[in-house]
Amino acid sequence: MDADDLITDGFTIAWMKRSKIPPDFETAWLIAVARNLVMSQRAKGLRRAALEHLTRHPPRHADSAEAAAITDLGARDALLGMSDSEREVLLMSAWENLSNREIAIALGISENTAAVRLSRAKKTFVDLIRCLPTPVRTDTHAECTEVGGGTTQEARNGDN
């Protein structure tokens, strides 16, 4: 799908939902529609590319089903432990392969703010992954504590 198709789809949606567009917010509403269409199209392309890659290059040796499930559940649990805004910016970068500039445009923020948010989101994700139990060790790191409904790892620097 090219830009013309996305524009056509955006205005088709706008026309069909014109009675629901908030007055004085038409531009913002159209930007949100366009953002959703672009993200949806990008996700479709990524899924298609991943499927084509797997079709052409099947894995030579698959991990055990248990290891794959634990890895997937760990990533899921870490993502669910993040705030919505952290998760959104991390997924835009990791899954949608958006640059800081593209994230900034999509969220209506500066590129620097997008970079800072992404850096913080990555740190939170890594901290949450480190604090998850492993198949061998059912306890978490001693540094892990419950904070704000999610688990995080406190830095050990002798100040605590």
C-alpha atoms as a PDB file:
ATOM      1  CA  MET A   1       0.000   0.000   0.000  1.00  0.00           C
ATOM      2  CA  ASP A   2       1.450   3.379  -0.950  1.00  0.00           C
ATOM      3  CA  ALA A   3       0.905   6.881   0.458  1.00  0.00           C
ATOM      4  CA  ASP A   4      -2.001   7.608  -1.910  1.00  0.00           C
ATOM      5  CA  ASP A   5      -3.836   4.505  -0.672  1.00  0.00           C
ATOM      6  CA  LEU A   6      -3.259   5.495   2.961  1.00  0.00           C
ATOM      7  CA  ILE A   7      -4.569   8.997   2.287  1.00  0.00           C
ATOM      8  CA  THR A   8      -7.609   7.580   0.506  1.00  0.00           C
ATOM      9  CA  ASP A   9      -8.295   5.209   3.418  1.00  0.00           C
ATOM     10  CA  GLY A  10      -7.849   8.036   5.932  1.00  0.00           C
ATOM     11  CA  PHE A  11     -10.325  10.310   4.231  1.00  0.00           C
ATOM     12  CA  THR A  12     -12.747   7.418   3.703  1.00  0.00           C
ATOM     13  CA  ILE A  13     -12.699   6.768   7.450  1.00  0.00           C
ATOM     14  CA  ALA A  14     -13.089  10.496   8.121  1.00  0.00           C
ATOM     15  CA  TRP A  15     -16.086  10.698   5.797  1.00  0.00           C
ATOM     16  CA  MET A  16     -17.773   7.669   7.362  1.00  0.00           C
ATOM     17  CA  LYS A  17     -17.186   8.960  10.910  1.00  0.00           C
ATOM     18  CA  ARG A  18     -17.565  12.672  10.239  1.00  0.00           C
ATOM     19  CA  SER A  19     -20.367  13.032  12.785  1.00  0.00           C
ATOM     20  CA  LYS A  20     -18.088  11.674  15.529  1.00  0.00           C
ATOM     21  CA  ILE A  21     -15.123  13.985  14.870  1.00  0.00           C
ATOM     22  CA  PRO A  22     -14.827  16.454  17.749  1.00  0.00           C
ATOM     23  CA  PRO A  23     -15.364  20.060  16.605  1.00  0.00           C
ATOM     24  CA  ASP A  24     -12.164  22.129  16.435  1.00  0.00           C
ATOM     25  CA  PHE A  25     -10.070  18.936  16.600  1.00  0.00           C
ATOM     26  CA  GLU A  26     -10.431  17.789  13.006  1.00  0.00           C
ATOM     27  CA  THR A  27      -6.705  18.006  12.226  1.00  0.00           C
ATOM     28  CA  ALA A  28      -5.665  16.114  15.364  1.00  0.00           C
ATOM     29  CA  TRP A  29      -8.304  13.474  14.662  1.00  0.00           C
ATOM     30  CA  LEU A  30      -7.073  13.022  11.080  1.00  0.00           C
ATOM     31  CA  ILE A  31      -3.471  12.745  12.306  1.00  0.00           C
ATOM     32  CA  ALA A  32      -4.515  10.032  14.756  1.00  0.00           C
ATOM     33  CA  VAL A  33      -6.323   8.143  11.986  1.00  0.00           C
ATOM     34  CA  ALA A  34      -3.295   8.453   9.708  1.00  0.00           C
ATOM     35  CA  ARG A  35      -0.986   7.298  12.512  1.00  0.00           C
ATOM     36  CA  ASN A  36      -3.138   4.249  13.151  1.00  0.00           C
ATOM     37  CA  LEU A  37      -3.277   3.397   9.444  1.00  0.00           C
ATOM     38  CA  VAL A  38       0.503   3.728   9.043  1.00  0.00           C
ATOM     39  CA  MET A  39       1.191   1.652  12.148  1.00  0.00           C
ATOM     40  CA  SER A  40      -1.239  -1.009  11.004  1.00  0.00           C
ATOM     41  CA  GLN A  41       0.320  -1.113   7.537  1.00  0.00           C
ATOM     42  CA  ARG A  42       3.829  -1.277   8.976  1.00  0.00           C
ATOM     43  CA  ALA A  43       2.826  -4.123  11.315  1.00  0.00           C
ATOM     44  CA  LYS A  44       1.329  -6.045   8.397  1.00  0.00           C
ATOM     45  CA  GLY A  45       4.536  -5.591   6.436  1.00  0.00           C
ATOM     46  CA  LEU A  46       6.678  -6.762   9.346  1.00  0.00           C
ATOM     47  CA  ARG A  47       4.499  -9.825   9.903  1.00  0.00           C
ATOM     48  CA  ARG A  48       4.616 -10.628   6.187  1.00  0.00           C
ATOM     49  CA  ALA A  49       8.414 -10.231   6.080  1.00  0.00           C
ATOM     50  CA  ALA A  50       8.857 -12.406   9.179  1.00  0.00           C
ATOM     51  CA  LEU A  51       6.649 -15.113   7.714  1.00  0.00           C
ATOM     52  CA  GLU A  52       8.515 -15.018   4.389  1.00  0.00           C
ATOM     53  CA  HIS A  53      11.853 -15.222   6.232  1.00  0.00           C
ATOM     54  CA  LEU A  54      10.701 -18.208   8.286  1.00  0.00           C
ATOM     55  CA  THR A  55       9.364 -19.884   5.165  1.00  0.00           C
ATOM     56  CA  ARG A  56      12.684 -19.466   3.351  1.00  0.00           C
ATOM     57  CA  HIS A  57      14.896 -20.077   6.397  1.00  0.00           C
ATOM     58  CA  PRO A  58      13.245 -22.443   8.866  1.00  0.00           C
ATOM     59  CA  PRO A  59      15.056 -22.749  12.193  1.00  0.00           C
ATOM     60  CA  ARG A  60      17.667 -25.520  12.174  1.00  0.00           C
ATOM     61  CA  HIS A  61      17.123 -26.472  15.786  1.00  0.00           C
ATOM     62  CA  ALA A  62      14.203 -25.253  17.739  1.00  0.00           C
ATOM     63  CA  ASP A  63      14.401 -24.586  21.450  1.00  0.00           C
ATOM     64  CA  SER A  64      12.284 -26.807  23.596  1.00  0.00           C
ATOM     65  CA  ALA A  65       8.660 -25.792  23.780  1.00  0.00           C
ATOM     66  CA  GLU A  66       9.175 -25.066  27.479  1.00  0.00           C
ATOM     67  CA  ALA A  67      12.131 -22.716  26.835  1.00  0.00           C
ATOM     68  CA  ALA A  68      10.259 -20.898  24.067  1.00  0.00           C
ATOM     69  CA  ALA A  69       7.177 -20.489  26.261  1.00  0.00           C
ATOM     70  CA  ILE A  70       9.230 -19.220  29.188  1.00  0.00           C
ATOM     71  CA  THR A  71      11.000 -16.687  26.959  1.00  0.00           C
ATOM     72  CA  ASP A  72       7.717 -15.501  25.451  1.00  0.00           C
ATOM     73  CA  LEU A  73       6.020 -15.301  28.842  1.00  0.00           C
ATOM     74  CA  GLY A  74       9.000 -13.449  30.296  1.00  0.00           C
ATOM     75  CA  ALA A  75       8.877 -10.818  27.574  1.00  0.00           C
ATOM     76  CA  ARG A  76       5.102 -10.597  27.925  1.00  0.00           C
ATOM     77  CA  ASP A  77       5.326 -10.225  31.691  1.00  0.00           C
ATOM     78  CA  ALA A  78       8.011  -7.559  31.362  1.00  0.00           C
ATOM     79  CA  LEU A  79       5.923  -5.641  28.812  1.00  0.00           C
ATOM     80  CA  LEU A  80       2.856  -5.882  31.030  1.00  0.00           C
ATOM     81  CA  GLY A  81       4.902  -4.556  33.953  1.00  0.00           C
ATOM     82  CA  MET A  82       5.693  -1.378  32.049  1.00  0.00           C
ATOM     83  CA  SER A  83       3.531   1.739  31.947  1.00  0.00           C
ATOM     84  CA  ASP A  84       1.412   2.196  28.822  1.00  0.00           C
ATOM     85  CA  SER A  85       3.600   5.046  27.572  1.00  0.00           C
ATOM     86  CA  GLU A  86       6.837   3.071  28.103  1.00  0.00           C
ATOM     87  CA  ARG A  87       5.395   0.012  26.395  1.00  0.00           C
ATOM     88  CA  GLU A  88       4.104   2.082  23.453  1.00  0.00           C
ATOM     89  CA  VAL A  89       7.436   3.766  22.735  1.00  0.00           C
ATOM     90  CA  LEU A  90       9.383   0.494  23.151  1.00  0.00           C
ATOM     91  CA  LEU A  91       7.077  -1.382  20.784  1.00  0.00           C
ATOM     92  CA  MET A  92       7.232   1.438  18.233  1.00  0.00           C
ATOM     93  CA  SER A  93      11.002   1.075  18.232  1.00  0.00           C
ATOM     94  CA  ALA A  94      11.390  -2.708  18.549  1.00  0.00           C
ATOM     95  CA  TRP A  95       8.393  -4.057  16.655  1.00  0.00           C
ATOM     96  CA  GLU A  96       7.559  -1.244  14.293  1.00  0.00           C
ATOM     97  CA  ASN A  97      11.248  -0.388  13.721  1.00  0.00           C
ATOM     98  CA  LEU A  98      10.547   3.347  13.999  1.00  0.00           C
ATOM     99  CA  SER A  99      13.417   5.779  14.485  1.00  0.00           C
ATOM    100  CA  ASN A 100      13.403   8.341  17.307  1.00  0.00           C
ATOM    101  CA  ARG A 101      12.297  10.938  14.775  1.00  0.00           C
ATOM    102  CA  GLU A 102       9.416   8.757  13.555  1.00  0.00           C
ATOM    103  CA  ILE A 103       8.363   8.027  17.141  1.00  0.00           C
ATOM    104  CA  ALA A 104       8.438  11.756  17.893  1.00  0.00           C
ATOM    105  CA  ILE A 105       6.234  12.532  14.909  1.00  0.00           C
ATOM    106  CA  ALA A 106       3.795   9.731  15.742  1.00  0.00           C
ATOM    107  CA  LEU A 107       3.460  10.865  19.357  1.00  0.00           C
ATOM    108  CA  GLY A 108       3.580  14.601  18.691  1.00  0.00           C
ATOM    109  CA  ILE A 109       6.678  15.139  20.853  1.00  0.00           C
ATOM    110  CA  SER A 110      10.225  16.341  20.207  1.00  0.00           C
ATOM    111  CA  GLU A 111      12.831  13.923  18.918  1.00  0.00           C
ATOM    112  CA  ASN A 112      14.866  14.424  22.099  1.00  0.00           C
ATOM    113  CA  THR A 113      11.849  13.572  24.270  1.00  0.00           C
ATOM    114  CA  ALA A 114      11.261  10.448  22.175  1.00  0.00           C
ATOM    115  CA  ALA A 115      14.904   9.403  22.641  1.00  0.00           C
ATOM    116  CA  VAL A 116      14.717   9.925  26.415  1.00  0.00           C
ATOM    117  CA  ARG A 117      11.429   8.011  26.687  1.00  0.00           C
ATOM    118  CA  LEU A 118      12.837   5.147  24.621  1.00  0.00           C
ATOM    119  CA  SER A 119      16.009   4.991  26.714  1.00  0.00           C
ATOM    120  CA  ARG A 120      13.968   4.853  29.921  1.00  0.00           C
ATOM    121  CA  ALA A 121      11.617   2.248  28.456  1.00  0.00           C
ATOM    122  CA  LYS A 122      14.550   0.027  27.444  1.00  0.00           C
ATOM    123  CA  LYS A 123      16.039   0.297  30.934  1.00  0.00           C
ATOM    124  CA  THR A 124      12.697  -0.566  32.534  1.00  0.00           C
ATOM    125  CA  PHE A 125      12.269  -3.554  30.217  1.00  0.00           C
ATOM    126  CA  VAL A 126      15.771  -4.884  30.980  1.00  0.00           C
ATOM    127  CA  ASP A 127      15.243  -4.386  34.717  1.00  0.00           C
ATOM    128  CA  LEU A 128      11.924  -6.222  34.578  1.00  0.00           C
ATOM    129  CA  ILE A 129      13.399  -9.114  32.565  1.00  0.00           C
ATOM    130  CA  ARG A 130      16.262  -9.458  35.060  1.00  0.00           C
ATOM    131  CA  CYS A 131      13.798  -9.660  37.927  1.00  0.00           C
ATOM    132  CA  LEU A 132      11.733 -12.473  36.453  1.00  0.00           C
ATOM    133  CA  PRO A 133      12.254 -15.985  37.835  1.00  0.00           C
ATOM    134  CA  THR A 134      14.200 -18.313  35.563  1.00  0.00           C
ATOM    135  CA  PRO A 135      13.398 -22.005  34.973  1.00  0.00           C
ATOM    136  CA  VAL A 136      16.425 -23.024  37.043  1.00  0.00           C
ATOM    137  CA  ARG A 137      16.218 -20.371  39.752  1.00  0.00           C
ATOM    138  CA  THR A 138      12.694 -19.634  41.005  1.00  0.00           C
ATOM    139  CA  ASP A 139      13.742 -16.700  43.153  1.00  0.00           C
ATOM    140  CA  THR A 140      14.436 -13.261  41.728  1.00  0.00           C
ATOM    141  CA  HIS A 141      17.539 -11.144  42.162  1.00  0.00           C
ATOM    142  CA  ALA A 142      17.978  -9.842  45.694  1.00  0.00           C
ATOM    143  CA  GLU A 143      17.944  -6.312  44.286  1.00  0.00           C
ATOM    144  CA  CYS A 144      14.445  -6.689  42.850  1.00  0.00           C
ATOM    145  CA  THR A 145      11.620  -4.974  44.685  1.00  0.00           C
ATOM    146  CA  GLU A 146       8.007  -4.198  43.948  1.00  0.00           C
ATOM    147  CA  VAL A 147       7.586  -0.614  42.737  1.00  0.00           C
ATOM    148  CA  GLY A 148       4.402   0.937  41.376  1.00  0.00           C
ATOM    149  CA  GLY A 149       2.727  -2.355  40.569  1.00  0.00           C
ATOM    150  CA  GLY A 150       5.736  -3.609  38.601  1.00  0.00           C
ATOM    151  CA  THR A 151       9.052  -5.127  39.532  1.00  0.00           C
ATOM    152  CA  THR A 152      12.252  -3.183  39.134  1.00  0.00           C
ATOM    153  CA  GLN A 153      15.877  -3.655  40.011  1.00  0.00           C
ATOM    154  CA  GLU A 154      17.554  -1.171  42.333  1.00  0.00           C
ATOM    155  CA  ALA A 155      21.127  -0.219  41.619  1.00  0.00           C
ATOM    156  CA  ARG A 156      23.611  -1.507  44.162  1.00  0.00           C
ATOM    157  CA  ASN A 157      25.963   1.395  44.759  1.00  0.00           C
ATOM    158  CA  GLY A 158      26.438   1.364  48.524  1.00  0.00           C
ATOM    159  CA  ASP A 159      24.229   4.443  49.044  1.00  0.00           C
ATOM    160  CA  ASN A 160      21.130   2.501  50.078  1.00  0.00           C
END
